[in-house]
């Protein structure tokens, strides 16, 4: 009986972590959208602004897809897409910072959060890759 309770608590804990990460990804994307809307209206700023919106919103969407992954490989693939998109977002943030479109240090919170999310996806992809059996049901939201 205790084993069943522990297993149930473990599933609830994983579900809560998944929801917390999803919320964090959505919040990050919203912050990037807010930042991009304050960028200059030049051709270059519009181009980078559009690109960073795509790369910063993609992880939340792909993470949602990963939760319903059809297989371990599908889950890992979607997690790696999230990682790649966050790395792209970092490069965009560096472009924006280098161009001086915001006061120095203004983007440090976004850069820090992006780096933390990169770390989460690196660990998640490594864990999933090394885990011998991952049931797609264990990644699904109810």
C-alpha atoms as a PDB file:
ATOM      1  CA  UNK A   1       0.000   0.000   0.000  1.00  0.00           C
ATOM      2  CA  UNK A   2       2.779   2.460   0.933  1.00  0.00           C
ATOM      3  CA  UNK A   3       4.494   1.752  -2.414  1.00  0.00           C
ATOM      4  CA  UNK A   4       1.314   2.712  -4.297  1.00  0.00           C
ATOM      5  CA  UNK A   5       1.046   5.940  -2.292  1.00  0.00           C
ATOM      6  CA  UNK A   6       4.716   6.782  -2.943  1.00  0.00           C
ATOM      7  CA  UNK A   7       4.230   6.098  -6.675  1.00  0.00           C
ATOM      8  CA  UNK A   8       1.130   8.321  -6.745  1.00  0.00           C
ATOM      9  CA  UNK A   9       2.971  11.105  -4.879  1.00  0.00           C
ATOM     10  CA  UNK A  10       5.874  10.807  -7.337  1.00  0.00           C
ATOM     11  CA  UNK A  11       3.489  11.215 -10.295  1.00  0.00           C
ATOM     12  CA  UNK A  12       1.880  14.256  -8.657  1.00  0.00           C
ATOM     13  CA  UNK A  13       5.322  15.769  -7.993  1.00  0.00           C
ATOM     14  CA  UNK A  14       6.369  15.241 -11.643  1.00  0.00           C
ATOM     15  CA  UNK A  15       3.094  16.746 -12.845  1.00  0.00           C
ATOM     16  CA  UNK A  16       3.587  19.799 -10.621  1.00  0.00           C
ATOM     17  CA  UNK A  17       7.141  20.266 -11.917  1.00  0.00           C
ATOM     18  CA  UNK A  18       5.878  19.997 -15.513  1.00  0.00           C
ATOM     19  CA  UNK A  19       3.190  22.608 -14.851  1.00  0.00           C
ATOM     20  CA  UNK A  20       5.706  24.877 -13.100  1.00  0.00           C
ATOM     21  CA  UNK A  21       8.132  24.637 -16.040  1.00  0.00           C
ATOM     22  CA  UNK A  22       5.338  25.264 -18.532  1.00  0.00           C
ATOM     23  CA  UNK A  23       4.301  28.363 -16.566  1.00  0.00           C
ATOM     24  CA  UNK A  24       7.897  29.550 -16.444  1.00  0.00           C
ATOM     25  CA  UNK A  25       8.281  29.091 -20.207  1.00  0.00           C
ATOM     26  CA  UNK A  26       5.092  31.030 -20.897  1.00  0.00           C
ATOM     27  CA  UNK A  27       6.145  33.825 -18.544  1.00  0.00           C
ATOM     28  CA  UNK A  28       9.556  34.034 -20.214  1.00  0.00           C
ATOM     29  CA  UNK A  29       7.963  34.212 -23.674  1.00  0.00           C
ATOM     30  CA  UNK A  30       5.623  36.990 -22.511  1.00  0.00           C
ATOM     31  CA  UNK A  31       8.559  38.974 -21.126  1.00  0.00           C
ATOM     32  CA  UNK A  32      10.398  38.626 -24.452  1.00  0.00           C
ATOM     33  CA  UNK A  33       7.287  39.746 -26.358  1.00  0.00           C
ATOM     34  CA  UNK A  34       6.984  42.783 -24.062  1.00  0.00           C
ATOM     35  CA  UNK A  35      10.667  43.598 -24.624  1.00  0.00           C
ATOM     36  CA  UNK A  36      10.406  43.212 -28.407  1.00  0.00           C
ATOM     37  CA  UNK A  37       7.444  45.584 -28.549  1.00  0.00           C
ATOM     38  CA  UNK A  38       9.674  48.284 -26.998  1.00  0.00           C
ATOM     39  CA  UNK A  39      12.398  47.897 -29.616  1.00  0.00           C
ATOM     40  CA  UNK A  40      13.047  50.617 -32.208  1.00  0.00           C
ATOM     41  CA  UNK A  41      10.963  50.502 -35.380  1.00  0.00           C
ATOM     42  CA  UNK A  42      13.989  50.150 -37.670  1.00  0.00           C
ATOM     43  CA  UNK A  43      14.253  47.341 -40.243  1.00  0.00           C
ATOM     44  CA  UNK A  44      16.950  45.514 -38.239  1.00  0.00           C
ATOM     45  CA  UNK A  45      15.121  45.828 -34.925  1.00  0.00           C
ATOM     46  CA  UNK A  46      11.877  44.575 -36.467  1.00  0.00           C
ATOM     47  CA  UNK A  47      13.734  41.633 -38.007  1.00  0.00           C
ATOM     48  CA  UNK A  48      15.458  40.616 -34.759  1.00  0.00           C
ATOM     49  CA  UNK A  49      12.261  41.342 -32.808  1.00  0.00           C
ATOM     50  CA  UNK A  50      10.272  38.986 -35.011  1.00  0.00           C
ATOM     51  CA  UNK A  51      12.952  36.312 -34.780  1.00  0.00           C
ATOM     52  CA  UNK A  52      13.248  36.462 -30.995  1.00  0.00           C
ATOM     53  CA  UNK A  53       9.471  36.231 -30.611  1.00  0.00           C
ATOM     54  CA  UNK A  54       9.522  33.007 -32.653  1.00  0.00           C
ATOM     55  CA  UNK A  55      12.480  31.492 -30.803  1.00  0.00           C
ATOM     56  CA  UNK A  56      11.305  32.538 -27.326  1.00  0.00           C
ATOM     57  CA  UNK A  57       7.728  31.287 -27.740  1.00  0.00           C
ATOM     58  CA  UNK A  58       8.687  28.010 -29.407  1.00  0.00           C
ATOM     59  CA  UNK A  59       9.959  26.242 -26.246  1.00  0.00           C
ATOM     60  CA  UNK A  60       6.632  26.644 -24.435  1.00  0.00           C
ATOM     61  CA  UNK A  61       4.795  25.203 -27.423  1.00  0.00           C
ATOM     62  CA  UNK A  62       7.259  22.356 -27.950  1.00  0.00           C
ATOM     63  CA  UNK A  63       7.319  21.568 -24.240  1.00  0.00           C
ATOM     64  CA  UNK A  64       3.549  21.183 -24.404  1.00  0.00           C
ATOM     65  CA  UNK A  65       4.052  18.791 -27.319  1.00  0.00           C
ATOM     66  CA  UNK A  66       6.709  16.877 -25.354  1.00  0.00           C
ATOM     67  CA  UNK A  67       4.190  16.250 -22.580  1.00  0.00           C
ATOM     68  CA  UNK A  68       2.165  14.193 -25.047  1.00  0.00           C
ATOM     69  CA  UNK A  69       5.162  12.546 -26.699  1.00  0.00           C
ATOM     70  CA  UNK A  70       4.408   9.284 -28.483  1.00  0.00           C
ATOM     71  CA  UNK A  71       7.731   7.702 -27.541  1.00  0.00           C
ATOM     72  CA  UNK A  72      10.938   8.278 -25.616  1.00  0.00           C
ATOM     73  CA  UNK A  73      12.659   9.378 -28.837  1.00  0.00           C
ATOM     74  CA  UNK A  74       9.812  11.798 -29.612  1.00  0.00           C
ATOM     75  CA  UNK A  75      10.074  13.268 -26.094  1.00  0.00           C
ATOM     76  CA  UNK A  76      13.860  13.684 -26.349  1.00  0.00           C
ATOM     77  CA  UNK A  77      13.553  15.242 -29.807  1.00  0.00           C
ATOM     78  CA  UNK A  78      11.047  17.835 -28.592  1.00  0.00           C
ATOM     79  CA  UNK A  79      13.144  18.636 -25.511  1.00  0.00           C
ATOM     80  CA  UNK A  80      16.177  19.180 -27.755  1.00  0.00           C
ATOM     81  CA  UNK A  81      14.120  21.522 -29.948  1.00  0.00           C
ATOM     82  CA  UNK A  82      13.318  23.536 -26.811  1.00  0.00           C
ATOM     83  CA  UNK A  83      17.035  23.669 -26.040  1.00  0.00           C
ATOM     84  CA  UNK A  84      17.951  24.807 -29.569  1.00  0.00           C
ATOM     85  CA  UNK A  85      15.299  27.531 -29.507  1.00  0.00           C
ATOM     86  CA  UNK A  86      16.591  28.862 -26.183  1.00  0.00           C
ATOM     87  CA  UNK A  87      20.117  28.969 -27.570  1.00  0.00           C
ATOM     88  CA  UNK A  88      18.807  30.922 -30.557  1.00  0.00           C
ATOM     89  CA  UNK A  89      16.991  33.283 -28.186  1.00  0.00           C
ATOM     90  CA  UNK A  90      20.264  33.925 -26.350  1.00  0.00           C
ATOM     91  CA  UNK A  91      21.980  34.923 -29.599  1.00  0.00           C
ATOM     92  CA  UNK A  92      19.103  37.301 -30.381  1.00  0.00           C
ATOM     93  CA  UNK A  93      19.394  38.824 -26.904  1.00  0.00           C
ATOM     94  CA  UNK A  94      23.116  39.322 -27.511  1.00  0.00           C
ATOM     95  CA  UNK A  95      22.363  41.066 -30.841  1.00  0.00           C
ATOM     96  CA  UNK A  96      19.877  43.351 -29.099  1.00  0.00           C
ATOM     97  CA  UNK A  97      22.306  44.087 -26.292  1.00  0.00           C
ATOM     98  CA  UNK A  98      25.185  44.736 -28.718  1.00  0.00           C
ATOM     99  CA  UNK A  99      23.060  47.122 -30.789  1.00  0.00           C
ATOM    100  CA  UNK A 100      22.367  49.172 -27.677  1.00  0.00           C
ATOM    101  CA  UNK A 101      18.598  49.219 -28.143  1.00  0.00           C
ATOM    102  CA  UNK A 102      18.168  49.066 -24.344  1.00  0.00           C
ATOM    103  CA  UNK A 103      20.090  50.503 -21.393  1.00  0.00           C
ATOM    104  CA  UNK A 104      23.071  48.439 -20.301  1.00  0.00           C
ATOM    105  CA  UNK A 105      21.940  45.713 -17.893  1.00  0.00           C
ATOM    106  CA  UNK A 106      18.275  46.000 -18.904  1.00  0.00           C
ATOM    107  CA  UNK A 107      18.335  42.551 -20.543  1.00  0.00           C
ATOM    108  CA  UNK A 108      20.283  40.805 -17.767  1.00  0.00           C
ATOM    109  CA  UNK A 109      17.124  39.282 -16.220  1.00  0.00           C
ATOM    110  CA  UNK A 110      16.027  37.823 -19.556  1.00  0.00           C
ATOM    111  CA  UNK A 111      19.512  36.518 -20.285  1.00  0.00           C
ATOM    112  CA  UNK A 112      19.751  34.942 -16.817  1.00  0.00           C
ATOM    113  CA  UNK A 113      16.329  33.281 -17.135  1.00  0.00           C
ATOM    114  CA  UNK A 114      17.157  32.052 -20.628  1.00  0.00           C
ATOM    115  CA  UNK A 115      20.418  30.528 -19.351  1.00  0.00           C
ATOM    116  CA  UNK A 116      18.573  28.807 -16.501  1.00  0.00           C
ATOM    117  CA  UNK A 117      16.048  27.370 -18.956  1.00  0.00           C
ATOM    118  CA  UNK A 118      18.899  26.158 -21.199  1.00  0.00           C
ATOM    119  CA  UNK A 119      20.372  24.357 -18.172  1.00  0.00           C
ATOM    120  CA  UNK A 120      17.015  22.748 -17.364  1.00  0.00           C
ATOM    121  CA  UNK A 121      16.631  21.432 -20.913  1.00  0.00           C
ATOM    122  CA  UNK A 122      20.239  20.184 -21.067  1.00  0.00           C
ATOM    123  CA  UNK A 123      19.703  18.165 -17.875  1.00  0.00           C
ATOM    124  CA  UNK A 124      16.247  16.975 -18.966  1.00  0.00           C
ATOM    125  CA  UNK A 125      17.506  15.765 -22.349  1.00  0.00           C
ATOM    126  CA  UNK A 126      20.476  13.985 -20.743  1.00  0.00           C
ATOM    127  CA  UNK A 127      18.256  12.383 -18.095  1.00  0.00           C
ATOM    128  CA  UNK A 128      15.722  11.225 -20.673  1.00  0.00           C
ATOM    129  CA  UNK A 129      18.482   9.870 -22.920  1.00  0.00           C
ATOM    130  CA  UNK A 130      20.088   7.875 -20.100  1.00  0.00           C
ATOM    131  CA  UNK A 131      16.796   6.645 -18.618  1.00  0.00           C
ATOM    132  CA  UNK A 132      16.295   3.099 -19.981  1.00  0.00           C
ATOM    133  CA  UNK A 133      12.495   3.197 -19.963  1.00  0.00           C
ATOM    134  CA  UNK A 134      10.331   6.271 -20.143  1.00  0.00           C
ATOM    135  CA  UNK A 135       6.652   5.752 -20.665  1.00  0.00           C
ATOM    136  CA  UNK A 136       5.049   8.449 -22.821  1.00  0.00           C
ATOM    137  CA  UNK A 137       2.161   8.399 -20.329  1.00  0.00           C
ATOM    138  CA  UNK A 138       4.534   9.629 -17.608  1.00  0.00           C
ATOM    139  CA  UNK A 139       5.003  12.853 -19.624  1.00  0.00           C
ATOM    140  CA  UNK A 140       1.349  13.535 -20.349  1.00  0.00           C
ATOM    141  CA  UNK A 141      -0.757  16.112 -18.589  1.00  0.00           C
ATOM    142  CA  UNK A 142      -4.181  14.991 -17.443  1.00  0.00           C
END
